[in-house]
Amino acid sequence: MLRIAEAHQCAGGSTRVYRFAWRSGSFGGRAGASHRMEGPFVLDDFTLSLTNRLLGDERPANLTRELHGSWISFATTGDPAVAGRPEYEPGSRYTMVFDEKTAVVSDPEGERRACWDHVPLDG
């Protein structure tokens, strides 16, 4: 995903990257911040009973406001940047991390990401 973001940015595209990092406490915390866990926050819709079982009752209110707002901004303007959030660049790798406290982070988990740098994309 980051290689695609970097290629898009290098080709002149406006590129932003986000990471949903909030970990659900449900199932003893084992669900964590798993794939598509952010869907109800993006849509601001927690009406499905399955959603409540996966996410639990203790969800940060700011997380819904910030993630939903970013997606609404993207859908209406083509730009998910809210309040001057910086673009992604290979040098800084600015990433919006949505969690209990949402923040822009430079290259989150950079050491783990770097392990993939030598793996070719063309097989």
PDB file of N, CA and C in Angstrom:
ATOM      1  N   MET A   1       0.824  -1.175   0.000  1.00  0.00           N
ATOM      2  CA  MET A   1       0.000   0.000   0.000  1.00  0.00           C
ATOM      3  C   MET A   1       0.876   1.249   0.000  1.00  0.00           C
ATOM      4  N   LEU A   2       1.949   1.223   0.791  1.00  0.00           N
ATOM      5  CA  LEU A   2       2.820   2.398   0.850  1.00  0.00           C
ATOM      6  C   LEU A   2       3.566   2.606  -0.459  1.00  0.00           C
ATOM      7  N   ARG A   3       3.911   1.539  -1.135  1.00  0.00           N
ATOM      8  CA  ARG A   3       4.579   1.696  -2.439  1.00  0.00           C
ATOM      9  C   ARG A   3       3.636   2.343  -3.451  1.00  0.00           C
ATOM     10  N   ILE A   4       2.383   1.987  -3.399  1.00  0.00           N
ATOM     11  CA  ILE A   4       1.401   2.614  -4.285  1.00  0.00           C
ATOM     12  C   ILE A   4       1.261   4.091  -3.926  1.00  0.00           C
ATOM     13  N   ALA A   5       1.201   4.396  -2.646  1.00  0.00           N
ATOM     14  CA  ALA A   5       1.103   5.790  -2.203  1.00  0.00           C
ATOM     15  C   ALA A   5       2.323   6.580  -2.668  1.00  0.00           C
ATOM     16  N   GLU A   6       3.504   5.996  -2.558  1.00  0.00           N
ATOM     17  CA  GLU A   6       4.722   6.683  -2.980  1.00  0.00           C
ATOM     18  C   GLU A   6       4.749   6.891  -4.488  1.00  0.00           C
ATOM     19  N   ALA A   7       4.330   5.890  -5.258  1.00  0.00           N
ATOM     20  CA  ALA A   7       4.286   6.031  -6.715  1.00  0.00           C
ATOM     21  C   ALA A   7       3.301   7.118  -7.117  1.00  0.00           C
ATOM     22  N   HIS A   8       2.149   7.159  -6.452  1.00  0.00           N
ATOM     23  CA  HIS A   8       1.140   8.180  -6.739  1.00  0.00           C
ATOM     24  C   HIS A   8       1.681   9.571  -6.428  1.00  0.00           C
ATOM     25  N   GLN A   9       2.345   9.716  -5.291  1.00  0.00           N
ATOM     26  CA  GLN A   9       2.906  11.008  -4.902  1.00  0.00           C
ATOM     27  C   GLN A   9       4.016  11.425  -5.859  1.00  0.00           C
ATOM     28  N   CYS A  10       4.892  10.488  -6.225  1.00  0.00           N
ATOM     29  CA  CYS A  10       6.001  10.794  -7.140  1.00  0.00           C
ATOM     30  C   CYS A  10       5.504  11.162  -8.538  1.00  0.00           C
ATOM     31  N   ALA A  11       4.322  10.674  -8.907  1.00  0.00           N
ATOM     32  CA  ALA A  11       3.736  11.001 -10.208  1.00  0.00           C
ATOM     33  C   ALA A  11       2.968  12.319 -10.171  1.00  0.00           C
ATOM     34  N   GLY A  12       3.007  12.996  -9.015  1.00  0.00           N
ATOM     35  CA  GLY A  12       2.367  14.302  -8.910  1.00  0.00           C
ATOM     36  C   GLY A  12       1.005  14.298  -8.255  1.00  0.00           C
ATOM     37  N   GLY A  13       0.560  13.148  -7.776  1.00  0.00           N
ATOM     38  CA  GLY A  13      -0.746  13.072  -7.133  1.00  0.00           C
ATOM     39  C   GLY A  13      -0.707  13.577  -5.701  1.00  0.00           C
ATOM     40  N   SER A  14      -1.840  14.065  -5.251  1.00  0.00           N
ATOM     41  CA  SER A  14      -1.994  14.457  -3.852  1.00  0.00           C
ATOM     42  C   SER A  14      -2.275  13.181  -3.073  1.00  0.00           C
ATOM     43  N   THR A  15      -1.374  12.835  -2.177  1.00  0.00           N
ATOM     44  CA  THR A  15      -1.437  11.527  -1.530  1.00  0.00           C
ATOM     45  C   THR A  15      -1.489  11.669  -0.023  1.00  0.00           C
ATOM     46  N   ARG A  16      -2.420  10.965   0.576  1.00  0.00           N
ATOM     47  CA  ARG A  16      -2.506  10.917   2.032  1.00  0.00           C
ATOM     48  C   ARG A  16      -2.707   9.468   2.448  1.00  0.00           C
ATOM     49  N   VAL A  17      -2.152   9.129   3.598  1.00  0.00           N
ATOM     50  CA  VAL A  17      -2.223   7.767   4.111  1.00  0.00           C
ATOM     51  C   VAL A  17      -2.762   7.835   5.526  1.00  0.00           C
ATOM     52  N   TYR A  18      -3.607   6.870   5.858  1.00  0.00           N
ATOM     53  CA  TYR A  18      -4.055   6.810   7.249  1.00  0.00           C
ATOM     54  C   TYR A  18      -3.932   5.393   7.763  1.00  0.00           C
ATOM     55  N   ARG A  19      -3.902   5.305   9.062  1.00  0.00           N
ATOM     56  CA  ARG A  19      -3.849   4.014   9.746  1.00  0.00           C
ATOM     57  C   ARG A  19      -4.884   4.041  10.858  1.00  0.00           C
ATOM     58  N   PHE A  20      -5.745   3.057  10.853  1.00  0.00           N
ATOM     59  CA  PHE A  20      -6.716   2.920  11.928  1.00  0.00           C
ATOM     60  C   PHE A  20      -6.060   2.059  12.995  1.00  0.00           C
ATOM     61  N   ALA A  21      -5.764   2.637  14.147  1.00  0.00           N
ATOM     62  CA  ALA A  21      -4.986   1.942  15.175  1.00  0.00           C
ATOM     63  C   ALA A  21      -5.766   1.664  16.451  1.00  0.00           C
ATOM     64  N   TRP A  22      -7.013   2.149  16.534  1.00  0.00           N
ATOM     65  CA  TRP A  22      -7.785   1.931  17.763  1.00  0.00           C
ATOM     66  C   TRP A  22      -8.084   0.454  17.920  1.00  0.00           C
ATOM     67  N   ARG A  23      -7.784  -0.062  19.088  1.00  0.00           N
ATOM     68  CA  ARG A  23      -7.971  -1.477  19.382  1.00  0.00           C
ATOM     69  C   ARG A  23      -9.237  -1.688  20.208  1.00  0.00           C
ATOM     70  N   SER A  24     -10.131  -2.474  19.667  1.00  0.00           N
ATOM     71  CA  SER A  24     -11.354  -2.823  20.380  1.00  0.00           C
ATOM     72  C   SER A  24     -11.002  -3.668  21.596  1.00  0.00           C
ATOM     73  N   GLY A  25     -11.708  -3.424  22.677  1.00  0.00           N
ATOM     74  CA  GLY A  25     -11.513  -4.232  23.876  1.00  0.00           C
ATOM     75  C   GLY A  25     -12.336  -5.510  23.872  1.00  0.00           C
ATOM     76  N   SER A  26     -13.172  -5.679  22.868  1.00  0.00           N
ATOM     77  CA  SER A  26     -14.021  -6.876  22.795  1.00  0.00           C
ATOM     78  C   SER A  26     -13.180  -8.134  22.632  1.00  0.00           C
ATOM     79  N   PHE A  27     -13.759  -9.230  23.066  1.00  0.00           N
ATOM     80  CA  PHE A  27     -13.096 -10.535  22.986  1.00  0.00           C
ATOM     81  C   PHE A  27     -11.736 -10.516  23.675  1.00  0.00           C
ATOM     82  N   GLY A  28     -11.687  -9.831  24.803  1.00  0.00           N
ATOM     83  CA  GLY A  28     -10.448  -9.752  25.564  1.00  0.00           C
ATOM     84  C   GLY A  28      -9.347  -8.994  24.843  1.00  0.00           C
ATOM     85  N   GLY A  29      -9.735  -8.126  23.905  1.00  0.00           N
ATOM     86  CA  GLY A  29      -8.767  -7.343  23.146  1.00  0.00           C
ATOM     87  C   GLY A  29      -8.173  -8.070  21.953  1.00  0.00           C
ATOM     88  N   ARG A  30      -8.591  -9.321  21.726  1.00  0.00           N
ATOM     89  CA  ARG A  30      -8.005 -10.115  20.637  1.00  0.00           C
ATOM     90  C   ARG A  30      -8.383  -9.604  19.254  1.00  0.00           C
ATOM     91  N   ALA A  31      -9.505  -8.916  19.117  1.00  0.00           N
ATOM     92  CA  ALA A  31      -9.897  -8.389  17.797  1.00  0.00           C
ATOM     93  C   ALA A  31      -8.991  -7.243  17.377  1.00  0.00           C
ATOM     94  N   GLY A  32      -8.456  -6.526  18.347  1.00  0.00           N
ATOM     95  CA  GLY A  32      -7.522  -5.439  18.051  1.00  0.00           C
ATOM     96  C   GLY A  32      -8.084  -4.420  17.090  1.00  0.00           C
ATOM     97  N   ALA A  33      -7.225  -3.942  16.200  1.00  0.00           N
ATOM     98  CA  ALA A  33      -7.606  -2.983  15.158  1.00  0.00           C
ATOM     99  C   ALA A  33      -7.620  -3.729  13.828  1.00  0.00           C
ATOM    100  N   SER A  34      -8.410  -4.775  13.768  1.00  0.00           N
ATOM    101  CA  SER A  34      -8.399  -5.654  12.601  1.00  0.00           C
ATOM    102  C   SER A  34      -9.032  -5.014  11.367  1.00  0.00           C
ATOM    103  N   HIS A  35      -8.837  -5.687  10.251  1.00  0.00           N
ATOM    104  CA  HIS A  35      -9.284  -5.193   8.950  1.00  0.00           C
ATOM    105  C   HIS A  35     -10.765  -4.833   8.963  1.00  0.00           C
ATOM    106  N   ARG A  36     -11.066  -3.672   8.462  1.00  0.00           N
ATOM    107  CA  ARG A  36     -12.412  -3.114   8.315  1.00  0.00           C
ATOM    108  C   ARG A  36     -13.086  -2.779   9.644  1.00  0.00           C
ATOM    109  N   MET A  37     -12.332  -2.809  10.707  1.00  0.00           N
ATOM    110  CA  MET A  37     -12.879  -2.416  12.000  1.00  0.00           C
ATOM    111  C   MET A  37     -13.287  -0.941  11.962  1.00  0.00           C
ATOM    112  N   GLU A  38     -12.657  -0.173  11.081  1.00  0.00           N
ATOM    113  CA  GLU A  38     -12.961   1.258  11.037  1.00  0.00           C
ATOM    114  C   GLU A  38     -14.258   1.592  10.304  1.00  0.00           C
ATOM    115  N   GLY A  39     -14.856   0.622   9.603  1.00  0.00           N
ATOM    116  CA  GLY A  39     -16.058   0.866   8.809  1.00  0.00           C
ATOM    117  C   GLY A  39     -17.164   1.616   9.535  1.00  0.00           C
ATOM    118  N   PRO A  40     -17.594   1.168  10.709  1.00  0.00           N
ATOM    119  CA  PRO A  40     -18.655   1.890  11.414  1.00  0.00           C
ATOM    120  C   PRO A  40     -18.259   3.318  11.801  1.00  0.00           C
ATOM    121  N   PHE A  41     -16.986   3.542  12.068  1.00  0.00           N
ATOM    122  CA  PHE A  41     -16.520   4.893  12.395  1.00  0.00           C
ATOM    123  C   PHE A  41     -16.552   5.777  11.145  1.00  0.00           C
ATOM    124  N   VAL A  42     -16.137   5.212  10.010  1.00  0.00           N
ATOM    125  CA  VAL A  42     -16.163   5.946   8.739  1.00  0.00           C
ATOM    126  C   VAL A  42     -17.590   6.360   8.406  1.00  0.00           C
ATOM    127  N   LEU A  43     -18.531   5.435   8.561  1.00  0.00           N
ATOM    128  CA  LEU A  43     -19.925   5.677   8.185  1.00  0.00           C
ATOM    129  C   LEU A  43     -20.743   6.325   9.302  1.00  0.00           C
ATOM    130  N   ASP A  44     -20.161   6.406  10.498  1.00  0.00           N
ATOM    131  CA  ASP A  44     -20.870   6.898  11.681  1.00  0.00           C
ATOM    132  C   ASP A  44     -22.175   6.130  11.853  1.00  0.00           C
ATOM    133  N   ASP A  45     -22.048   4.811  11.790  1.00  0.00           N
ATOM    134  CA  ASP A  45     -23.217   3.946  11.901  1.00  0.00           C
ATOM    135  C   ASP A  45     -22.862   2.735  12.757  1.00  0.00           C
ATOM    136  N   PHE A  46     -23.422   2.691  13.948  1.00  0.00           N
ATOM    137  CA  PHE A  46     -23.153   1.613  14.899  1.00  0.00           C
ATOM    138  C   PHE A  46     -24.433   0.838  15.210  1.00  0.00           C
ATOM    139  N   THR A  47     -25.337   0.785  14.247  1.00  0.00           N
ATOM    140  CA  THR A  47     -26.654   0.197  14.500  1.00  0.00           C
ATOM    141  C   THR A  47     -26.685  -1.326  14.431  1.00  0.00           C
ATOM    142  N   LEU A  48     -25.775  -1.954  13.729  1.00  0.00           N
ATOM    143  CA  LEU A  48     -25.793  -3.409  13.619  1.00  0.00           C
ATOM    144  C   LEU A  48     -25.346  -4.051  14.924  1.00  0.00           C
ATOM    145  N   SER A  49     -26.034  -5.093  15.341  1.00  0.00           N
ATOM    146  CA  SER A  49     -25.671  -5.754  16.596  1.00  0.00           C
ATOM    147  C   SER A  49     -24.276  -6.362  16.510  1.00  0.00           C
ATOM    148  N   LEU A  50     -23.880  -6.857  15.340  1.00  0.00           N
ATOM    149  CA  LEU A  50     -22.534  -7.397  15.162  1.00  0.00           C
ATOM    150  C   LEU A  50     -21.483  -6.311  15.393  1.00  0.00           C
ATOM    151  N   THR A  51     -21.773  -5.112  14.927  1.00  0.00           N
ATOM    152  CA  THR A  51     -20.855  -3.988  15.125  1.00  0.00           C
ATOM    153  C   THR A  51     -20.611  -3.766  16.604  1.00  0.00           C
ATOM    154  N   ASN A  52     -21.660  -3.750  17.371  1.00  0.00           N
ATOM    155  CA  ASN A  52     -21.515  -3.515  18.810  1.00  0.00           C
ATOM    156  C   ASN A  52     -20.773  -4.652  19.502  1.00  0.00           C
ATOM    157  N   ARG A  53     -20.961  -5.878  19.038  1.00  0.00           N
ATOM    158  CA  ARG A  53     -20.213  -6.999  19.620  1.00  0.00           C
ATOM    159  C   ARG A  53     -18.732  -6.888  19.306  1.00  0.00           C
ATOM    160  N   LEU A  54     -18.385  -6.457  18.086  1.00  0.00           N
ATOM    161  CA  LEU A  54     -16.978  -6.330  17.692  1.00  0.00           C
ATOM    162  C   LEU A  54     -16.294  -5.135  18.335  1.00  0.00           C
ATOM    163  N   LEU A  55     -17.020  -4.036  18.455  1.00  0.00           N
ATOM    164  CA  LEU A  55     -16.403  -2.799  18.927  1.00  0.00           C
ATOM    165  C   LEU A  55     -16.600  -2.539  20.408  1.00  0.00           C
ATOM    166  N   GLY A  56     -17.586  -3.156  21.001  1.00  0.00           N
ATOM    167  CA  GLY A  56     -17.872  -2.909  22.408  1.00  0.00           C
ATOM    168  C   GLY A  56     -18.591  -1.587  22.596  1.00  0.00           C
ATOM    169  N   ASP A  57     -18.843  -1.268  23.828  1.00  0.00           N
ATOM    170  CA  ASP A  57     -19.605  -0.059  24.151  1.00  0.00           C
ATOM    171  C   ASP A  57     -18.729   1.156  24.404  1.00  0.00           C
ATOM    172  N   GLU A  58     -17.471   0.955  24.656  1.00  0.00           N
ATOM    173  CA  GLU A  58     -16.583   2.068  24.984  1.00  0.00           C
ATOM    174  C   GLU A  58     -15.757   2.454  23.766  1.00  0.00           C
ATOM    175  N   ARG A  59     -16.325   3.378  22.989  1.00  0.00           N
ATOM    176  CA  ARG A  59     -15.658   3.859  21.782  1.00  0.00           C
ATOM    177  C   ARG A  59     -15.377   5.342  21.949  1.00  0.00           C
ATOM    178  N   PRO A  60     -14.188   5.781  21.605  1.00  0.00           N
ATOM    179  CA  PRO A  60     -13.884   7.210  21.734  1.00  0.00           C
ATOM    180  C   PRO A  60     -14.730   8.047  20.775  1.00  0.00           C
ATOM    181  N   ALA A  61     -15.455   9.021  21.303  1.00  0.00           N
ATOM    182  CA  ALA A  61     -16.324   9.872  20.473  1.00  0.00           C
ATOM    183  C   ALA A  61     -15.517  10.656  19.444  1.00  0.00           C
ATOM    184  N   ASN A  62     -14.335  11.106  19.817  1.00  0.00           N
ATOM    185  CA  ASN A  62     -13.519  11.884  18.880  1.00  0.00           C
ATOM    186  C   ASN A  62     -13.103  11.047  17.674  1.00  0.00           C
ATOM    187  N   LEU A  63     -12.980   9.742  17.844  1.00  0.00           N
ATOM    188  CA  LEU A  63     -12.550   8.873  16.751  1.00  0.00           C
ATOM    189  C   LEU A  63     -13.584   8.873  15.630  1.00  0.00           C
ATOM    190  N   THR A  64     -14.838   8.761  15.972  1.00  0.00           N
ATOM    191  CA  THR A  64     -15.893   8.812  14.963  1.00  0.00           C
ATOM    192  C   THR A  64     -15.896  10.173  14.277  1.00  0.00           C
ATOM    193  N   ARG A  65     -15.854  11.232  15.063  1.00  0.00           N
ATOM    194  CA  ARG A  65     -15.885  12.580  14.508  1.00  0.00           C
ATOM    195  C   ARG A  65     -14.716  12.815  13.542  1.00  0.00           C
ATOM    196  N   GLU A  66     -13.523  12.403  13.929  1.00  0.00           N
ATOM    197  CA  GLU A  66     -12.342  12.676  13.106  1.00  0.00           C
ATOM    198  C   GLU A  66     -12.281  11.795  11.865  1.00  0.00           C
ATOM    199  N   LEU A  67     -12.538  10.496  12.015  1.00  0.00           N
ATOM    200  CA  LEU A  67     -12.462   9.601  10.857  1.00  0.00           C
ATOM    201  C   LEU A  67     -13.610   9.851   9.887  1.00  0.00           C
ATOM    202  N   HIS A  68     -14.820   9.975  10.409  1.00  0.00           N
ATOM    203  CA  HIS A  68     -15.978  10.266   9.562  1.00  0.00           C
ATOM    204  C   HIS A  68     -15.781  11.610   8.849  1.00  0.00           C
ATOM    205  N   GLY A  69     -15.314  12.599   9.584  1.00  0.00           N
ATOM    206  CA  GLY A  69     -15.071  13.918   8.987  1.00  0.00           C
ATOM    207  C   GLY A  69     -14.056  13.878   7.865  1.00  0.00           C
ATOM    208  N   SER A  70     -13.009  13.098   8.043  1.00  0.00           N
ATOM    209  CA  SER A  70     -11.986  12.977   7.012  1.00  0.00           C
ATOM    210  C   SER A  70     -12.555  12.328   5.752  1.00  0.00           C
ATOM    211  N   TRP A  71     -13.352  11.286   5.920  1.00  0.00           N
ATOM    212  CA  TRP A  71     -13.970  10.621   4.772  1.00  0.00           C
ATOM    213  C   TRP A  71     -15.005  11.517   4.097  1.00  0.00           C
ATOM    214  N   ILE A  72     -15.777  12.266   4.871  1.00  0.00           N
ATOM    215  CA  ILE A  72     -16.745  13.199   4.279  1.00  0.00           C
ATOM    216  C   ILE A  72     -16.009  14.265   3.473  1.00  0.00           C
ATOM    217  N   SER A  73     -14.916  14.775   4.021  1.00  0.00           N
ATOM    218  CA  SER A  73     -14.112  15.754   3.299  1.00  0.00           C
ATOM    219  C   SER A  73     -13.599  15.163   1.987  1.00  0.00           C
ATOM    220  N   PHE A  74     -13.136  13.923   2.033  1.00  0.00           N
ATOM    221  CA  PHE A  74     -12.645  13.261   0.826  1.00  0.00           C
ATOM    222  C   PHE A  74     -13.765  13.074  -0.198  1.00  0.00           C
ATOM    223  N   ALA A  75     -14.935  12.650   0.266  1.00  0.00           N
ATOM    224  CA  ALA A  75     -16.056  12.400  -0.640  1.00  0.00           C
ATOM    225  C   ALA A  75     -16.574  13.681  -1.286  1.00  0.00           C
ATOM    226  N   THR A  76     -16.523  14.787  -0.567  1.00  0.00           N
ATOM    227  CA  THR A  76     -17.089  16.030  -1.098  1.00  0.00           C
ATOM    228  C   THR A  76     -16.079  16.900  -1.829  1.00  0.00           C
ATOM    229  N   THR A  77     -14.797  16.807  -1.449  1.00  0.00           N
ATOM    230  CA  THR A  77     -13.797  17.691  -2.068  1.00  0.00           C
ATOM    231  C   THR A  77     -12.670  16.948  -2.757  1.00  0.00           C
ATOM    232  N   GLY A  78     -12.576  15.636  -2.531  1.00  0.00           N
ATOM    233  CA  GLY A  78     -11.457  14.874  -3.069  1.00  0.00           C
ATOM    234  C   GLY A  78     -10.219  14.975  -2.201  1.00  0.00           C
ATOM    235  N   ASP A  79     -10.327  15.650  -1.077  1.00  0.00           N
ATOM    236  CA  ASP A  79      -9.193  15.868  -0.186  1.00  0.00           C
ATOM    237  C   ASP A  79      -9.590  15.483   1.241  1.00  0.00           C
ATOM    238  N   PRO A  80      -8.985  14.421   1.785  1.00  0.00           N
ATOM    239  CA  PRO A  80      -9.339  14.009   3.146  1.00  0.00           C
ATOM    240  C   PRO A  80      -8.680  14.859   4.223  1.00  0.00           C
ATOM    241  N   ALA A  81      -7.843  15.777   3.798  1.00  0.00           N
ATOM    242  CA  ALA A  81      -7.108  16.576   4.783  1.00  0.00           C
ATOM    243  C   ALA A  81      -8.050  17.513   5.512  1.00  0.00           C
ATOM    244  N   VAL A  82      -8.075  17.371   6.797  1.00  0.00           N
ATOM    245  CA  VAL A  82      -8.857  18.249   7.649  1.00  0.00           C
ATOM    246  C   VAL A  82      -7.861  18.992   8.520  1.00  0.00           C
ATOM    247  N   ALA A  83      -7.999  20.291   8.617  1.00  0.00           N
ATOM    248  CA  ALA A  83      -7.137  21.122   9.462  1.00  0.00           C
ATOM    249  C   ALA A  83      -5.663  21.004   9.085  1.00  0.00           C
ATOM    250  N   GLY A  84      -5.366  21.036   7.790  1.00  0.00           N
ATOM    251  CA  GLY A  84      -3.984  21.130   7.331  1.00  0.00           C
ATOM    252  C   GLY A  84      -3.129  19.897   7.524  1.00  0.00           C
ATOM    253  N   ARG A  85      -3.716  18.740   7.504  1.00  0.00           N
ATOM    254  CA  ARG A  85      -2.912  17.521   7.647  1.00  0.00           C
ATOM    255  C   ARG A  85      -1.986  17.374   6.453  1.00  0.00           C
ATOM    256  N   PRO A  86      -0.727  17.064   6.688  1.00  0.00           N
ATOM    257  CA  PRO A  86       0.255  17.033   5.589  1.00  0.00           C
ATOM    258  C   PRO A  86       0.065  15.843   4.661  1.00  0.00           C
ATOM    259  N   GLU A  87       0.606  15.999   3.453  1.00  0.00           N
ATOM    260  CA  GLU A  87       0.557  14.926   2.466  1.00  0.00           C
ATOM    261  C   GLU A  87       1.648  13.897   2.750  1.00  0.00           C
ATOM    262  N   TYR A  88       1.440  12.706   2.216  1.00  0.00           N
ATOM    263  CA  TYR A  88       2.409  11.623   2.324  1.00  0.00           C
ATOM    264  C   TYR A  88       3.527  11.869   1.324  1.00  0.00           C
ATOM    265  N   GLU A  89       4.750  11.681   1.759  1.00  0.00           N
ATOM    266  CA  GLU A  89       5.930  11.769   0.896  1.00  0.00           C
ATOM    267  C   GLU A  89       6.889  10.662   1.312  1.00  0.00           C
ATOM    268  N   PRO A  90       7.646  10.105   0.360  1.00  0.00           N
ATOM    269  CA  PRO A  90       8.580   9.036   0.718  1.00  0.00           C
ATOM    270  C   PRO A  90       9.590   9.440   1.799  1.00  0.00           C
ATOM    271  N   GLY A  91       9.981  10.694   1.861  1.00  0.00           N
ATOM    272  CA  GLY A  91      10.957  11.124   2.855  1.00  0.00           C
ATOM    273  C   GLY A  91      10.410  11.176   4.268  1.00  0.00           C
ATOM    274  N   SER A  92       9.187  11.655   4.409  1.00  0.00           N
ATOM    275  CA  SER A  92       8.601  11.816   5.749  1.00  0.00           C
ATOM    276  C   SER A  92       7.621  10.703   6.104  1.00  0.00           C
ATOM    277  N   ARG A  93       6.955  10.176   5.088  1.00  0.00           N
ATOM    278  CA  ARG A  93       5.929   9.143   5.276  1.00  0.00           C
ATOM    279  C   ARG A  93       4.890   9.554   6.327  1.00  0.00           C
ATOM    280  N   TYR A  94       4.447  10.810   6.239  1.00  0.00           N
ATOM    281  CA  TYR A  94       3.421  11.276   7.176  1.00  0.00           C
ATOM    282  C   TYR A  94       2.170  10.428   7.039  1.00  0.00           C
ATOM    283  N   THR A  95       1.688   9.950   8.157  1.00  0.00           N
ATOM    284  CA  THR A  95       0.519   9.087   8.206  1.00  0.00           C
ATOM    285  C   THR A  95      -0.403   9.581   9.309  1.00  0.00           C
ATOM    286  N   MET A  96      -1.681   9.732   8.988  1.00  0.00           N
ATOM    287  CA  MET A  96      -2.649  10.087  10.009  1.00  0.00           C
ATOM    288  C   MET A  96      -3.015   8.808  10.738  1.00  0.00           C
ATOM    289  N   VAL A  97      -2.740   8.771  12.019  1.00  0.00           N
ATOM    290  CA  VAL A  97      -3.047   7.596  12.830  1.00  0.00           C
ATOM    291  C   VAL A  97      -4.286   7.916  13.655  1.00  0.00           C
ATOM    292  N   PHE A  98      -5.370   7.206  13.346  1.00  0.00           N
ATOM    293  CA  PHE A  98      -6.633   7.379  14.061  1.00  0.00           C
ATOM    294  C   PHE A  98      -6.659   6.405  15.230  1.00  0.00           C
ATOM    295  N   ASP A  99      -6.721   6.957  16.441  1.00  0.00           N
ATOM    296  CA  ASP A  99      -6.692   6.146  17.651  1.00  0.00           C
ATOM    297  C   ASP A  99      -7.396   6.926  18.755  1.00  0.00           C
ATOM    298  N   GLU A 100      -7.202   6.528  20.007  1.00  0.00           N
ATOM    299  CA  GLU A 100      -7.769   7.277  21.139  1.00  0.00           C
ATOM    300  C   GLU A 100      -7.447   8.760  20.970  1.00  0.00           C
ATOM    301  N   LYS A 101      -6.225   9.028  20.593  1.00  0.00           N
ATOM    302  CA  LYS A 101      -5.789  10.387  20.258  1.00  0.00           C
ATOM    303  C   LYS A 101      -5.280  10.324  18.822  1.00  0.00           C
ATOM    304  N   THR A 102      -5.915  11.070  17.945  1.00  0.00           N
ATOM    305  CA  THR A 102      -5.542  11.070  16.535  1.00  0.00           C
ATOM    306  C   THR A 102      -4.402  12.055  16.312  1.00  0.00           C
ATOM    307  N   ALA A 103      -3.406  11.616  15.536  1.00  0.00           N
ATOM    308  CA  ALA A 103      -2.240  12.466  15.299  1.00  0.00           C
ATOM    309  C   ALA A 103      -1.560  12.093  13.986  1.00  0.00           C
ATOM    310  N   VAL A 104      -0.825  13.046  13.437  1.00  0.00           N
ATOM    311  CA  VAL A 104       0.022  12.778  12.286  1.00  0.00           C
ATOM    312  C   VAL A 104       1.341  12.235  12.821  1.00  0.00           C
ATOM    313  N   VAL A 105       1.763  11.107  12.267  1.00  0.00           N
ATOM    314  CA  VAL A 105       2.998  10.461  12.702  1.00  0.00           C
ATOM    315  C   VAL A 105       3.889  10.263  11.481  1.00  0.00           C
ATOM    316  N   SER A 106       5.167  10.519  11.643  1.00  0.00           N
ATOM    317  CA  SER A 106       6.122  10.289  10.564  1.00  0.00           C
ATOM    318  C   SER A 106       6.572   8.831  10.604  1.00  0.00           C
ATOM    319  N   ASP A 107       6.260   8.102   9.551  1.00  0.00           N
ATOM    320  CA  ASP A 107       6.695   6.724   9.361  1.00  0.00           C
ATOM    321  C   ASP A 107       6.381   5.808  10.556  1.00  0.00           C
ATOM    322  N   PRO A 108       5.104   5.661  10.896  1.00  0.00           N
ATOM    323  CA  PRO A 108       4.772   4.775  12.015  1.00  0.00           C
ATOM    324  C   PRO A 108       5.247   3.349  11.723  1.00  0.00           C
ATOM    325  N   GLU A 109       5.830   2.739  12.709  1.00  0.00           N
ATOM    326  CA  GLU A 109       6.386   1.388  12.585  1.00  0.00           C
ATOM    327  C   GLU A 109       7.350   1.294  11.403  1.00  0.00           C
ATOM    328  N   GLY A 110       8.181   2.317  11.268  1.00  0.00           N
ATOM    329  CA  GLY A 110       9.137   2.382  10.165  1.00  0.00           C
ATOM    330  C   GLY A 110      10.085   1.205  10.094  1.00  0.00           C
ATOM    331  N   GLU A 111      10.466   0.688  11.243  1.00  0.00           N
ATOM    332  CA  GLU A 111      11.385  -0.452  11.258  1.00  0.00           C
ATOM    333  C   GLU A 111      10.735  -1.681  10.630  1.00  0.00           C
ATOM    334  N   ARG A 112       9.474  -1.920  10.952  1.00  0.00           N
ATOM    335  CA  ARG A 112       8.751  -3.047  10.348  1.00  0.00           C
ATOM    336  C   ARG A 112       8.533  -2.813   8.858  1.00  0.00           C
ATOM    337  N   ARG A 113       8.198  -1.583   8.471  1.00  0.00           N
ATOM    338  CA  ARG A 113       7.995  -1.257   7.056  1.00  0.00           C
ATOM    339  C   ARG A 113       9.264  -1.481   6.266  1.00  0.00           C
ATOM    340  N   ALA A 114      10.404  -1.097   6.826  1.00  0.00           N
ATOM    341  CA  ALA A 114      11.675  -1.212   6.125  1.00  0.00           C
ATOM    342  C   ALA A 114      12.031  -2.660   5.791  1.00  0.00           C
ATOM    343  N   CYS A 115      11.511  -3.611   6.540  1.00  0.00           N
ATOM    344  CA  CYS A 115      11.768  -5.031   6.251  1.00  0.00           C
ATOM    345  C   CYS A 115      11.266  -5.425   4.862  1.00  0.00           C
ATOM    346  N   TRP A 116      10.286  -4.697   4.342  1.00  0.00           N
ATOM    347  CA  TRP A 116       9.695  -5.012   3.037  1.00  0.00           C
ATOM    348  C   TRP A 116      10.350  -4.252   1.888  1.00  0.00           C
ATOM    349  N   ASP A 117      11.253  -3.311   2.197  1.00  0.00           N
ATOM    350  CA  ASP A 117      11.844  -2.478   1.149  1.00  0.00           C
ATOM    351  C   ASP A 117      12.587  -3.264   0.084  1.00  0.00           C
ATOM    352  N   HIS A 118      13.193  -4.374   0.438  1.00  0.00           N
ATOM    353  CA  HIS A 118      13.986  -5.148  -0.507  1.00  0.00           C
ATOM    354  C   HIS A 118      13.154  -6.156  -1.304  1.00  0.00           C
ATOM    355  N   VAL A 119      11.892  -6.308  -0.990  1.00  0.00           N
ATOM    356  CA  VAL A 119      11.036  -7.274  -1.674  1.00  0.00           C
ATOM    357  C   VAL A 119      10.531  -6.652  -2.980  1.00  0.00           C
ATOM    358  N   PRO A 120      10.874  -7.255  -4.129  1.00  0.00           N
ATOM    359  CA  PRO A 120      10.444  -6.680  -5.409  1.00  0.00           C
ATOM    360  C   PRO A 120       8.946  -6.843  -5.630  1.00  0.00           C
ATOM    361  N   LEU A 121       8.348  -5.876  -6.296  1.00  0.00           N
ATOM    362  CA  LEU A 121       6.929  -5.935  -6.602  1.00  0.00           C
ATOM    363  C   LEU A 121       6.621  -6.764  -7.843  1.00  0.00           C
ATOM    364  N   ASP A 122       7.594  -6.917  -8.706  1.00  0.00           N
ATOM    365  CA  ASP A 122       7.338  -7.585  -9.984  1.00  0.00           C
ATOM    366  C   ASP A 122       7.534  -9.103  -9.923  1.00  0.00           C
ATOM    367  N   GLY A 123       7.680  -9.631  -8.751  1.00  0.00           N
ATOM    368  CA  GLY A 123       7.743 -11.076  -8.573  1.00  0.00           C
ATOM    369  C   GLY A 123       9.098 -11.595  -8.784  1.00  0.00           C
TER     370      GLY A 123
END
